[in-house]
Amino acid sequence: MEILIYKRVVKTNHIHNTLCDTIIYVPTKKKMLYKSSQGTFSPKTYGISDVESIINEAEFVYNNNIPDSDEVEVLDIRRIECLDEEIDDVIEIATKSKEFAEKTKENIEKYLKK
């Protein structure tokens, strides 16, 4: 299976606040995994996204339609081959992790409201 990997940089006025995502787009599954960092000194986060606008952007990039924007820059585009089972495992783990984080947040918020 072919997947797309690229960097997505959201430009800001200050370099230490720049949002940089490394996107892994799986076109056959319409799924997007990411590594994200907000600025120079922030920790990196990893996950899966269902944000439709960014998935649409990834589809455009996959089809060689690079967005022309003053706010977002697309860099280091590459395509690689991977095994279906490997990417399926990563998608499953990322999905479960996201669901776990959402349930954890809900339960913590429930106690904080008491």
PDB file of N, CA and C in Angstrom:
ATOM      1  N   MET A   1       0.851  -1.168   0.000  1.00  0.00           N
ATOM      2  CA  MET A   1       0.000   0.000   0.000  1.00  0.00           C
ATOM      3  C   MET A   1       0.895   1.229   0.000  1.00  0.00           C
ATOM      4  N   GLU A   2       0.505   2.228  -0.789  1.00  0.00           N
ATOM      5  CA  GLU A   2       1.242   3.482  -0.824  1.00  0.00           C
ATOM      6  C   GLU A   2       0.653   4.463   0.191  1.00  0.00           C
ATOM      7  N   ILE A   3       1.532   5.115   0.958  1.00  0.00           N
ATOM      8  CA  ILE A   3       1.106   6.171   1.876  1.00  0.00           C
ATOM      9  C   ILE A   3       1.898   7.434   1.551  1.00  0.00           C
ATOM     10  N   LEU A   4       1.335   8.546   1.957  1.00  0.00           N
ATOM     11  CA  LEU A   4       1.933   9.856   1.722  1.00  0.00           C
ATOM     12  C   LEU A   4       2.432  10.418   3.042  1.00  0.00           C
ATOM     13  N   ILE A   5       3.634  10.973   3.025  1.00  0.00           N
ATOM     14  CA  ILE A   5       4.196  11.620   4.208  1.00  0.00           C
ATOM     15  C   ILE A   5       4.629  13.021   3.803  1.00  0.00           C
ATOM     16  N   TYR A   6       4.255  14.011   4.610  1.00  0.00           N
ATOM     17  CA  TYR A   6       4.707  15.368   4.336  1.00  0.00           C
ATOM     18  C   TYR A   6       4.662  16.206   5.614  1.00  0.00           C
ATOM     19  N   LYS A   7       5.337  17.338   5.556  1.00  0.00           N
ATOM     20  CA  LYS A   7       5.299  18.287   6.674  1.00  0.00           C
ATOM     21  C   LYS A   7       4.308  19.388   6.337  1.00  0.00           C
ATOM     22  N   ARG A   8       3.566  19.778   7.350  1.00  0.00           N
ATOM     23  CA  ARG A   8       2.566  20.841   7.232  1.00  0.00           C
ATOM     24  C   ARG A   8       2.918  21.887   8.282  1.00  0.00           C
ATOM     25  N   VAL A   9       3.332  23.068   7.829  1.00  0.00           N
ATOM     26  CA  VAL A   9       3.771  24.121   8.735  1.00  0.00           C
ATOM     27  C   VAL A   9       2.761  25.259   8.689  1.00  0.00           C
ATOM     28  N   VAL A  10       2.190  25.576   9.851  1.00  0.00           N
ATOM     29  CA  VAL A  10       1.283  26.718   9.968  1.00  0.00           C
ATOM     30  C   VAL A  10       2.131  27.891  10.447  1.00  0.00           C
ATOM     31  N   LYS A  11       2.231  28.884   9.603  1.00  0.00           N
ATOM     32  CA  LYS A  11       3.105  30.031   9.885  1.00  0.00           C
ATOM     33  C   LYS A  11       2.455  30.972  10.905  1.00  0.00           C
ATOM     34  N   THR A  12       3.300  31.486  11.786  1.00  0.00           N
ATOM     35  CA  THR A  12       2.860  32.477  12.766  1.00  0.00           C
ATOM     36  C   THR A  12       3.869  33.623  12.763  1.00  0.00           C
ATOM     37  N   ASN A  13       3.613  34.626  13.563  1.00  0.00           N
ATOM     38  CA  ASN A  13       4.519  35.773  13.643  1.00  0.00           C
ATOM     39  C   ASN A  13       5.776  35.481  14.447  1.00  0.00           C
ATOM     40  N   HIS A  14       5.771  34.405  15.205  1.00  0.00           N
ATOM     41  CA  HIS A  14       6.904  34.109  16.078  1.00  0.00           C
ATOM     42  C   HIS A  14       7.344  32.670  15.858  1.00  0.00           C
ATOM     43  N   ILE A  15       8.604  32.454  15.565  1.00  0.00           N
ATOM     44  CA  ILE A  15       9.107  31.120  15.238  1.00  0.00           C
ATOM     45  C   ILE A  15       8.873  30.109  16.359  1.00  0.00           C
ATOM     46  N   HIS A  16       8.895  30.554  17.614  1.00  0.00           N
ATOM     47  CA  HIS A  16       8.719  29.621  18.724  1.00  0.00           C
ATOM     48  C   HIS A  16       7.262  29.171  18.877  1.00  0.00           C
ATOM     49  N   ASN A  17       6.336  29.763  18.134  1.00  0.00           N
ATOM     50  CA  ASN A  17       4.930  29.354  18.183  1.00  0.00           C
ATOM     51  C   ASN A  17       4.470  28.655  16.910  1.00  0.00           C
ATOM     52  N   THR A  18       5.363  28.395  16.000  1.00  0.00           N
ATOM     53  CA  THR A  18       5.006  27.761  14.740  1.00  0.00           C
ATOM     54  C   THR A  18       4.516  26.336  14.981  1.00  0.00           C
ATOM     55  N   LEU A  19       3.404  25.992  14.356  1.00  0.00           N
ATOM     56  CA  LEU A  19       2.846  24.640  14.453  1.00  0.00           C
ATOM     57  C   LEU A  19       3.365  23.827  13.285  1.00  0.00           C
ATOM     58  N   CYS A  20       4.041  22.733  13.584  1.00  0.00           N
ATOM     59  CA  CYS A  20       4.579  21.865  12.538  1.00  0.00           C
ATOM     60  C   CYS A  20       4.046  20.450  12.744  1.00  0.00           C
ATOM     61  N   ASP A  21       3.352  19.957  11.739  1.00  0.00           N
ATOM     62  CA  ASP A  21       2.837  18.591  11.767  1.00  0.00           C
ATOM     63  C   ASP A  21       3.543  17.772  10.699  1.00  0.00           C
ATOM     64  N   THR A  22       3.889  16.554  11.039  1.00  0.00           N
ATOM     65  CA  THR A  22       4.294  15.596  10.028  1.00  0.00           C
ATOM     66  C   THR A  22       3.088  14.694   9.828  1.00  0.00           C
ATOM     67  N   ILE A  23       2.599  14.684   8.612  1.00  0.00           N
ATOM     68  CA  ILE A  23       1.361  13.981   8.273  1.00  0.00           C
ATOM     69  C   ILE A  23       1.689  12.658   7.595  1.00  0.00           C
ATOM     70  N   ILE A  24       1.006  11.610   8.006  1.00  0.00           N
ATOM     71  CA  ILE A  24       1.016  10.339   7.288  1.00  0.00           C
ATOM     72  C   ILE A  24      -0.413  10.115   6.823  1.00  0.00           C
ATOM     73  N   TYR A  25      -0.609  10.204   5.522  1.00  0.00           N
ATOM     74  CA  TYR A  25      -1.952  10.066   4.953  1.00  0.00           C
ATOM     75  C   TYR A  25      -2.063   8.707   4.282  1.00  0.00           C
ATOM     76  N   VAL A  26      -3.119   7.982   4.646  1.00  0.00           N
ATOM     77  CA  VAL A  26      -3.382   6.657   4.083  1.00  0.00           C
ATOM     78  C   VAL A  26      -4.594   6.799   3.161  1.00  0.00           C
ATOM     79  N   PRO A  27      -4.362   7.031   1.874  1.00  0.00           N
ATOM     80  CA  PRO A  27      -5.467   7.375   0.968  1.00  0.00           C
ATOM     81  C   PRO A  27      -6.522   6.280   0.794  1.00  0.00           C
ATOM     82  N   THR A  28      -6.120   5.020   0.838  1.00  0.00           N
ATOM     83  CA  THR A  28      -7.104   3.953   0.646  1.00  0.00           C
ATOM     84  C   THR A  28      -8.070   3.844   1.818  1.00  0.00           C
ATOM     85  N   LYS A  29      -7.667   4.379   2.965  1.00  0.00           N
ATOM     86  CA  LYS A  29      -8.516   4.317   4.163  1.00  0.00           C
ATOM     87  C   LYS A  29      -9.047   5.688   4.562  1.00  0.00           C
ATOM     88  N   LYS A  30      -8.586   6.740   3.866  1.00  0.00           N
ATOM     89  CA  LYS A  30      -8.963   8.125   4.199  1.00  0.00           C
ATOM     90  C   LYS A  30      -8.680   8.409   5.669  1.00  0.00           C
ATOM     91  N   LYS A  31      -7.504   7.980   6.130  1.00  0.00           N
ATOM     92  CA  LYS A  31      -7.072   8.180   7.520  1.00  0.00           C
ATOM     93  C   LYS A  31      -5.789   8.998   7.536  1.00  0.00           C
ATOM     94  N   MET A  32      -5.630   9.784   8.603  1.00  0.00           N
ATOM     95  CA  MET A  32      -4.468  10.620   8.735  1.00  0.00           C
ATOM     96  C   MET A  32      -3.872  10.475  10.131  1.00  0.00           C
ATOM     97  N   LEU A  33      -2.607  10.066  10.177  1.00  0.00           N
ATOM     98  CA  LEU A  33      -1.845  10.003  11.409  1.00  0.00           C
ATOM     99  C   LEU A  33      -0.937  11.217  11.431  1.00  0.00           C
ATOM    100  N   TYR A  34      -0.500  11.638  12.611  1.00  0.00           N
ATOM    101  CA  TYR A  34       0.344  12.824  12.671  1.00  0.00           C
ATOM    102  C   TYR A  34       1.318  12.782  13.834  1.00  0.00           C
ATOM    103  N   LYS A  35       2.392  13.552  13.669  1.00  0.00           N
ATOM    104  CA  LYS A  35       3.290  13.940  14.752  1.00  0.00           C
ATOM    105  C   LYS A  35       3.240  15.455  14.755  1.00  0.00           C
ATOM    106  N   SER A  36       2.969  16.054  15.883  1.00  0.00           N
ATOM    107  CA  SER A  36       2.739  17.495  15.932  1.00  0.00           C
ATOM    108  C   SER A  36       3.568  18.134  17.025  1.00  0.00           C
ATOM    109  N   SER A  37       4.028  19.358  16.743  1.00  0.00           N
ATOM    110  CA  SER A  37       4.674  20.148  17.793  1.00  0.00           C
ATOM    111  C   SER A  37       4.274  21.600  17.621  1.00  0.00           C
ATOM    112  N   GLN A  38       4.009  22.260  18.724  1.00  0.00           N
ATOM    113  CA  GLN A  38       3.616  23.665  18.740  1.00  0.00           C
ATOM    114  C   GLN A  38       4.814  24.461  19.226  1.00  0.00           C
ATOM    115  N   GLY A  39       5.599  24.967  18.308  1.00  0.00           N
ATOM    116  CA  GLY A  39       6.739  25.786  18.678  1.00  0.00           C
ATOM    117  C   GLY A  39       7.982  24.975  18.970  1.00  0.00           C
ATOM    118  N   THR A  40       9.031  25.687  19.239  1.00  0.00           N
ATOM    119  CA  THR A  40      10.353  25.097  19.390  1.00  0.00           C
ATOM    120  C   THR A  40      10.486  24.231  20.640  1.00  0.00           C
ATOM    121  N   PHE A  41       9.895  24.658  21.750  1.00  0.00           N
ATOM    122  CA  PHE A  41      10.169  24.005  23.022  1.00  0.00           C
ATOM    123  C   PHE A  41       9.045  23.104  23.532  1.00  0.00           C
ATOM    124  N   SER A  42       7.986  22.961  22.780  1.00  0.00           N
ATOM    125  CA  SER A  42       6.859  22.144  23.251  1.00  0.00           C
ATOM    126  C   SER A  42       7.087  20.670  22.926  1.00  0.00           C
ATOM    127  N   PRO A  43       6.456  19.796  23.714  1.00  0.00           N
ATOM    128  CA  PRO A  43       6.591  18.361  23.437  1.00  0.00           C
ATOM    129  C   PRO A  43       5.849  17.983  22.153  1.00  0.00           C
ATOM    130  N   LYS A  44       6.262  16.894  21.584  1.00  0.00           N
ATOM    131  CA  LYS A  44       5.596  16.392  20.390  1.00  0.00           C
ATOM    132  C   LYS A  44       4.428  15.500  20.791  1.00  0.00           C
ATOM    133  N   THR A  45       3.353  15.572  20.019  1.00  0.00           N
ATOM    134  CA  THR A  45       2.218  14.691  20.249  1.00  0.00           C
ATOM    135  C   THR A  45       2.022  13.838  18.997  1.00  0.00           C
ATOM    136  N   TYR A  46       1.465  12.676  19.199  1.00  0.00           N
ATOM    137  CA  TYR A  46       1.244  11.728  18.113  1.00  0.00           C
ATOM    138  C   TYR A  46      -0.204  11.284  18.169  1.00  0.00           C
ATOM    139  N   GLY A  47      -0.808  11.027  17.013  1.00  0.00           N
ATOM    140  CA  GLY A  47      -2.182  10.556  17.040  1.00  0.00           C
ATOM    141  C   GLY A  47      -2.783  10.374  15.670  1.00  0.00           C
ATOM    142  N   ILE A  48      -4.101  10.282  15.683  1.00  0.00           N
ATOM    143  CA  ILE A  48      -4.896  10.122  14.477  1.00  0.00           C
ATOM    144  C   ILE A  48      -5.902  11.268  14.470  1.00  0.00           C
ATOM    145  N   SER A  49      -6.176  11.798  13.306  1.00  0.00           N
ATOM    146  CA  SER A  49      -7.086  12.936  13.225  1.00  0.00           C
ATOM    147  C   SER A  49      -8.251  12.621  12.301  1.00  0.00           C
ATOM    148  N   ASP A  50      -9.405  13.158  12.670  1.00  0.00           N
ATOM    149  CA  ASP A  50     -10.580  13.055  11.804  1.00  0.00           C
ATOM    150  C   ASP A  50     -11.049  14.432  11.363  1.00  0.00           C
ATOM    151  N   VAL A  51     -10.145  15.418  11.433  1.00  0.00           N
ATOM    152  CA  VAL A  51     -10.478  16.775  11.001  1.00  0.00           C
ATOM    153  C   VAL A  51     -10.614  16.765   9.478  1.00  0.00           C
ATOM    154  N   GLU A  52     -11.845  16.953   9.030  1.00  0.00           N
ATOM    155  CA  GLU A  52     -12.155  16.795   7.612  1.00  0.00           C
ATOM    156  C   GLU A  52     -11.362  17.737   6.717  1.00  0.00           C
ATOM    157  N   SER A  53     -11.170  18.980   7.151  1.00  0.00           N
ATOM    158  CA  SER A  53     -10.462  19.943   6.299  1.00  0.00           C
ATOM    159  C   SER A  53      -9.009  19.521   6.071  1.00  0.00           C
ATOM    160  N   ILE A  54      -8.381  18.931   7.080  1.00  0.00           N
ATOM    161  CA  ILE A  54      -6.988  18.524   6.916  1.00  0.00           C
ATOM    162  C   ILE A  54      -6.899  17.218   6.124  1.00  0.00           C
ATOM    163  N   ILE A  55      -7.871  16.344   6.298  1.00  0.00           N
ATOM    164  CA  ILE A  55      -7.903  15.127   5.477  1.00  0.00           C
ATOM    165  C   ILE A  55      -8.116  15.510   4.013  1.00  0.00           C
ATOM    166  N   ASN A  56      -8.978  16.488   3.760  1.00  0.00           N
ATOM    167  CA  ASN A  56      -9.178  16.965   2.387  1.00  0.00           C
ATOM    168  C   ASN A  56      -7.886  17.562   1.829  1.00  0.00           C
ATOM    169  N   GLU A  57      -7.191  18.336   2.659  1.00  0.00           N
ATOM    170  CA  GLU A  57      -5.911  18.892   2.228  1.00  0.00           C
ATOM    171  C   GLU A  57      -4.931  17.769   1.876  1.00  0.00           C
ATOM    172  N   ALA A  58      -4.870  16.739   2.710  1.00  0.00           N
ATOM    173  CA  ALA A  58      -3.972  15.608   2.454  1.00  0.00           C
ATOM    174  C   ALA A  58      -4.328  14.919   1.139  1.00  0.00           C
ATOM    175  N   GLU A  59      -5.607  14.811   0.851  1.00  0.00           N
ATOM    176  CA  GLU A  59      -6.047  14.212  -0.414  1.00  0.00           C
ATOM    177  C   GLU A  59      -5.576  15.073  -1.594  1.00  0.00           C
ATOM    178  N   PHE A  60      -5.673  16.392  -1.452  1.00  0.00           N
ATOM    179  CA  PHE A  60      -5.171  17.293  -2.494  1.00  0.00           C
ATOM    180  C   PHE A  60      -3.670  17.092  -2.703  1.00  0.00           C
ATOM    181  N   VAL A  61      -2.922  17.046  -1.613  1.00  0.00           N
ATOM    182  CA  VAL A  61      -1.470  16.858  -1.709  1.00  0.00           C
ATOM    183  C   VAL A  61      -1.172  15.515  -2.362  1.00  0.00           C
ATOM    184  N   TYR A  62      -1.911  14.488  -1.973  1.00  0.00           N
ATOM    185  CA  TYR A  62      -1.730  13.159  -2.558  1.00  0.00           C
ATOM    186  C   TYR A  62      -1.938  13.196  -4.076  1.00  0.00           C
ATOM    187  N   ASN A  63      -2.869  14.023  -4.515  1.00  0.00           N
ATOM    188  CA  ASN A  63      -3.160  14.151  -5.950  1.00  0.00           C
ATOM    189  C   ASN A  63      -2.329  15.244  -6.624  1.00  0.00           C
ATOM    190  N   ASN A  64      -1.241  15.639  -5.969  1.00  0.00           N
ATOM    191  CA  ASN A  64      -0.292  16.633  -6.497  1.00  0.00           C
ATOM    192  C   ASN A  64      -0.895  18.017  -6.673  1.00  0.00           C
ATOM    193  N   ASN A  65      -1.894  18.357  -5.887  1.00  0.00           N
ATOM    194  CA  ASN A  65      -2.472  19.701  -5.865  1.00  0.00           C
ATOM    195  C   ASN A  65      -2.055  20.365  -4.565  1.00  0.00           C
ATOM    196  N   ILE A  66      -0.871  20.939  -4.559  1.00  0.00           N
ATOM    197  CA  ILE A  66      -0.325  21.533  -3.345  1.00  0.00           C
ATOM    198  C   ILE A  66      -1.057  22.846  -3.065  1.00  0.00           C
ATOM    199  N   PRO A  67      -1.627  22.995  -1.863  1.00  0.00           N
ATOM    200  CA  PRO A  67      -2.349  24.233  -1.533  1.00  0.00           C
ATOM    201  C   PRO A  67      -1.433  25.453  -1.612  1.00  0.00           C
ATOM    202  N   ASP A  68      -1.934  26.517  -2.197  1.00  0.00           N
ATOM    203  CA  ASP A  68      -1.202  27.783  -2.258  1.00  0.00           C
ATOM    204  C   ASP A  68      -1.779  28.690  -1.187  1.00  0.00           C
ATOM    205  N   SER A  69      -1.024  28.834  -0.100  1.00  0.00           N
ATOM    206  CA  SER A  69      -1.539  29.577   1.050  1.00  0.00           C
ATOM    207  C   SER A  69      -0.419  30.370   1.703  1.00  0.00           C
ATOM    208  N   ASP A  70      -0.768  31.535   2.209  1.00  0.00           N
ATOM    209  CA  ASP A  70       0.194  32.325   2.968  1.00  0.00           C
ATOM    210  C   ASP A  70       0.336  31.821   4.403  1.00  0.00           C
ATOM    211  N   GLU A  71      -0.631  31.043   4.879  1.00  0.00           N
ATOM    212  CA  GLU A  71      -0.630  30.578   6.265  1.00  0.00           C
ATOM    213  C   GLU A  71      -0.075  29.172   6.454  1.00  0.00           C
ATOM    214  N   VAL A  72      -0.219  28.312   5.433  1.00  0.00           N
ATOM    215  CA  VAL A  72       0.195  26.919   5.563  1.00  0.00           C
ATOM    216  C   VAL A  72       1.193  26.583   4.461  1.00  0.00           C
ATOM    217  N   GLU A  73       2.282  25.944   4.866  1.00  0.00           N
ATOM    218  CA  GLU A  73       3.295  25.524   3.906  1.00  0.00           C
ATOM    219  C   GLU A  73       3.399  24.001   3.934  1.00  0.00           C
ATOM    220  N   VAL A  74       3.446  23.389   2.768  1.00  0.00           N
ATOM    221  CA  VAL A  74       3.573  21.940   2.637  1.00  0.00           C
ATOM    222  C   VAL A  74       4.986  21.647   2.139  1.00  0.00           C
ATOM    223  N   LEU A  75       5.717  20.809   2.888  1.00  0.00           N
ATOM    224  CA  LEU A  75       7.129  20.541   2.596  1.00  0.00           C
ATOM    225  C   LEU A  75       7.437  19.050   2.619  1.00  0.00           C
ATOM    226  N   ASP A  76       8.556  18.688   2.051  1.00  0.00           N
ATOM    227  CA  ASP A  76       9.136  17.341   2.167  1.00  0.00           C
ATOM    228  C   ASP A  76       8.138  16.232   1.829  1.00  0.00           C
ATOM    229  N   ILE A  77       7.475  16.358   0.709  1.00  0.00           N
ATOM    230  CA  ILE A  77       6.469  15.377   0.296  1.00  0.00           C
ATOM    231  C   ILE A  77       7.165  14.120  -0.214  1.00  0.00           C
ATOM    232  N   ARG A  78       6.724  12.977   0.297  1.00  0.00           N
ATOM    233  CA  ARG A  78       7.244  11.703  -0.211  1.00  0.00           C
ATOM    234  C   ARG A  78       6.183  10.624  -0.097  1.00  0.00           C
ATOM    235  N   ARG A  79       6.353   9.632  -0.912  1.00  0.00           N
ATOM    236  CA  ARG A  79       5.450   8.478  -0.916  1.00  0.00           C
ATOM    237  C   ARG A  79       6.274   7.240  -0.603  1.00  0.00           C
ATOM    238  N   ILE A  80       5.718   6.388   0.241  1.00  0.00           N
ATOM    239  CA  ILE A  80       6.413   5.143   0.548  1.00  0.00           C
ATOM    240  C   ILE A  80       5.423   3.992   0.476  1.00  0.00           C
ATOM    241  N   GLU A  81       5.955   2.827   0.309  1.00  0.00           N
ATOM    242  CA  GLU A  81       5.157   1.605   0.329  1.00  0.00           C
ATOM    243  C   GLU A  81       5.253   0.979   1.711  1.00  0.00           C
ATOM    244  N   CYS A  82       4.134   0.468   2.193  1.00  0.00           N
ATOM    245  CA  CYS A  82       4.136  -0.254   3.462  1.00  0.00           C
ATOM    246  C   CYS A  82       3.140  -1.403   3.372  1.00  0.00           C
ATOM    247  N   LEU A  83       3.259  -2.319   4.285  1.00  0.00           N
ATOM    248  CA  LEU A  83       2.332  -3.453   4.325  1.00  0.00           C
ATOM    249  C   LEU A  83       0.994  -3.004   4.892  1.00  0.00           C
ATOM    250  N   ASP A  84      -0.082  -3.495   4.303  1.00  0.00           N
ATOM    251  CA  ASP A  84      -1.426  -3.156   4.783  1.00  0.00           C
ATOM    252  C   ASP A  84      -1.576  -3.444   6.275  1.00  0.00           C
ATOM    253  N   GLU A  85      -1.088  -4.622   6.694  1.00  0.00           N
ATOM    254  CA  GLU A  85      -1.265  -5.038   8.085  1.00  0.00           C
ATOM    255  C   GLU A  85      -0.555  -4.082   9.043  1.00  0.00           C
ATOM    256  N   GLU A  86       0.621  -3.606   8.637  1.00  0.00           N
ATOM    257  CA  GLU A  86       1.383  -2.704   9.512  1.00  0.00           C
ATOM    258  C   GLU A  86       0.636  -1.390   9.730  1.00  0.00           C
ATOM    259  N   ILE A  87       0.169  -0.784   8.660  1.00  0.00           N
ATOM    260  CA  ILE A  87      -0.522   0.505   8.796  1.00  0.00           C
ATOM    261  C   ILE A  87      -1.873   0.314   9.475  1.00  0.00           C
ATOM    262  N   ASP A  88      -2.536  -0.822   9.222  1.00  0.00           N
ATOM    263  CA  ASP A  88      -3.797  -1.117   9.912  1.00  0.00           C
ATOM    264  C   ASP A  88      -3.583  -1.187  11.420  1.00  0.00           C
ATOM    265  N   ASP A  89      -2.474  -1.807  11.846  1.00  0.00           N
ATOM    266  CA  ASP A  89      -2.166  -1.904  13.279  1.00  0.00           C
ATOM    267  C   ASP A  89      -1.950  -0.519  13.887  1.00  0.00           C
ATOM    268  N   VAL A  90      -1.214   0.332  13.186  1.00  0.00           N
ATOM    269  CA  VAL A  90      -0.954   1.681  13.699  1.00  0.00           C
ATOM    270  C   VAL A  90      -2.256   2.471  13.801  1.00  0.00           C
ATOM    271  N   ILE A  91      -3.109   2.361  12.781  1.00  0.00           N
ATOM    272  CA  ILE A  91      -4.400   3.065  12.797  1.00  0.00           C
ATOM    273  C   ILE A  91      -5.259   2.569  13.957  1.00  0.00           C
ATOM    274  N   GLU A  92      -5.277   1.265  14.175  1.00  0.00           N
ATOM    275  CA  GLU A  92      -6.076   0.699  15.273  1.00  0.00           C
ATOM    276  C   GLU A  92      -5.572   1.177  16.636  1.00  0.00           C
ATOM    277  N   ILE A  93      -4.258   1.148  16.824  1.00  0.00           N
ATOM    278  CA  ILE A  93      -3.674   1.595  18.098  1.00  0.00           C
ATOM    279  C   ILE A  93      -3.965   3.074  18.320  1.00  0.00           C
ATOM    280  N   ALA A  94      -3.786   3.886  17.278  1.00  0.00           N
ATOM    281  CA  ALA A  94      -4.028   5.330  17.398  1.00  0.00           C
ATOM    282  C   ALA A  94      -5.491   5.625  17.707  1.00  0.00           C
ATOM    283  N   THR A  95      -6.393   4.874  17.081  1.00  0.00           N
ATOM    284  CA  THR A  95      -7.830   5.068  17.314  1.00  0.00           C
ATOM    285  C   THR A  95      -8.195   4.710  18.752  1.00  0.00           C
ATOM    286  N   LYS A  96      -7.695   3.580  19.234  1.00  0.00           N
ATOM    287  CA  LYS A  96      -7.963   3.175  20.612  1.00  0.00           C
ATOM    288  C   LYS A  96      -7.382   4.169  21.604  1.00  0.00           C
ATOM    289  N   SER A  97      -6.183   4.659  21.316  1.00  0.00           N
ATOM    290  CA  SER A  97      -5.545   5.643  22.190  1.00  0.00           C
ATOM    291  C   SER A  97      -6.374   6.924  22.266  1.00  0.00           C
ATOM    292  N   LYS A  98      -6.884   7.370  21.132  1.00  0.00           N
ATOM    293  CA  LYS A  98      -7.717   8.581  21.099  1.00  0.00           C
ATOM    294  C   LYS A  98      -9.004   8.371  21.896  1.00  0.00           C
ATOM    295  N   GLU A  99      -9.639   7.208  21.725  1.00  0.00           N
ATOM    296  CA  GLU A  99     -10.867   6.907  22.463  1.00  0.00           C
ATOM    297  C   GLU A  99     -10.588   6.845  23.960  1.00  0.00           C
ATOM    298  N   PHE A 100      -9.460   6.252  24.344  1.00  0.00           N
ATOM    299  CA  PHE A 100      -9.089   6.162  25.750  1.00  0.00           C
ATOM    300  C   PHE A 100      -8.884   7.562  26.334  1.00  0.00           C
ATOM    301  N   ALA A 101      -8.185   8.423  25.610  1.00  0.00           N
ATOM    302  CA  ALA A 101      -7.933   9.793  26.089  1.00  0.00           C
ATOM    303  C   ALA A 101      -9.244  10.552  26.256  1.00  0.00           C
ATOM    304  N   GLU A 102     -10.177  10.379  25.308  1.00  0.00           N
ATOM    305  CA  GLU A 102     -11.471  11.064  25.402  1.00  0.00           C
ATOM    306  C   GLU A 102     -12.272  10.575  26.600  1.00  0.00           C
ATOM    307  N   LYS A 103     -12.273   9.257  26.843  1.00  0.00           N
ATOM    308  CA  LYS A 103     -12.998   8.711  27.994  1.00  0.00           C
ATOM    309  C   LYS A 103     -12.358   9.163  29.304  1.00  0.00           C
ATOM    310  N   THR A 104     -11.039   9.202  29.334  1.00  0.00           N
ATOM    311  CA  THR A 104     -10.335   9.666  30.531  1.00  0.00           C
ATOM    312  C   THR A 104     -10.712  11.111  30.835  1.00  0.00           C
ATOM    313  N   LYS A 105     -10.697  11.957  29.825  1.00  0.00           N
ATOM    314  CA  LYS A 105     -11.057  13.366  30.003  1.00  0.00           C
ATOM    315  C   LYS A 105     -12.493  13.494  30.515  1.00  0.00           C
ATOM    316  N   GLU A 106     -13.418  12.751  29.900  1.00  0.00           N
ATOM    317  CA  GLU A 106     -14.823  12.809  30.329  1.00  0.00           C
ATOM    318  C   GLU A 106     -14.966  12.437  31.802  1.00  0.00           C
ATOM    319  N   ASN A 107     -14.294  11.373  32.207  1.00  0.00           N
ATOM    320  CA  ASN A 107     -14.416  10.916  33.593  1.00  0.00           C
ATOM    321  C   ASN A 107     -13.771  11.886  34.572  1.00  0.00           C
ATOM    322  N   ILE A 108     -12.649  12.438  34.219  1.00  0.00           N
ATOM    323  CA  ILE A 108     -12.008  13.429  35.097  1.00  0.00           C
ATOM    324  C   ILE A 108     -12.890  14.664  35.224  1.00  0.00           C
ATOM    325  N   GLU A 109     -13.410  15.143  34.105  1.00  0.00           N
ATOM    326  CA  GLU A 109     -14.298  16.321  34.128  1.00  0.00           C
ATOM    327  C   GLU A 109     -15.549  16.073  34.974  1.00  0.00           C
ATOM    328  N   LYS A 110     -16.061  14.842  34.918  1.00  0.00           N
ATOM    329  CA  LYS A 110     -17.238  14.488  35.711  1.00  0.00           C
ATOM    330  C   LYS A 110     -16.962  14.692  37.198  1.00  0.00           C
ATOM    331  N   TYR A 111     -15.790  14.267  37.664  1.00  0.00           N
ATOM    332  CA  TYR A 111     -15.452  14.426  39.072  1.00  0.00           C
ATOM    333  C   TYR A 111     -15.165  15.876  39.432  1.00  0.00           C
ATOM    334  N   LEU A 112     -14.584  16.615  38.528  1.00  0.00           N
ATOM    335  CA  LEU A 112     -14.277  18.014  38.795  1.00  0.00           C
ATOM    336  C   LEU A 112     -15.524  18.862  38.913  1.00  0.00           C
ATOM    337  N   LYS A 113     -16.612  18.429  38.295  1.00  0.00           N
ATOM    338  CA  LYS A 113     -17.871  19.180  38.341  1.00  0.00           C
ATOM    339  C   LYS A 113     -18.667  18.905  39.600  1.00  0.00           C
ATOM    340  N   LYS A 114     -18.303  17.914  40.368  1.00  0.00           N
ATOM    341  CA  LYS A 114     -19.049  17.576  41.586  1.00  0.00           C
ATOM    342  C   LYS A 114     -18.742  18.529  42.699  1.00  0.00           C
TER     343      LYS A 114
END
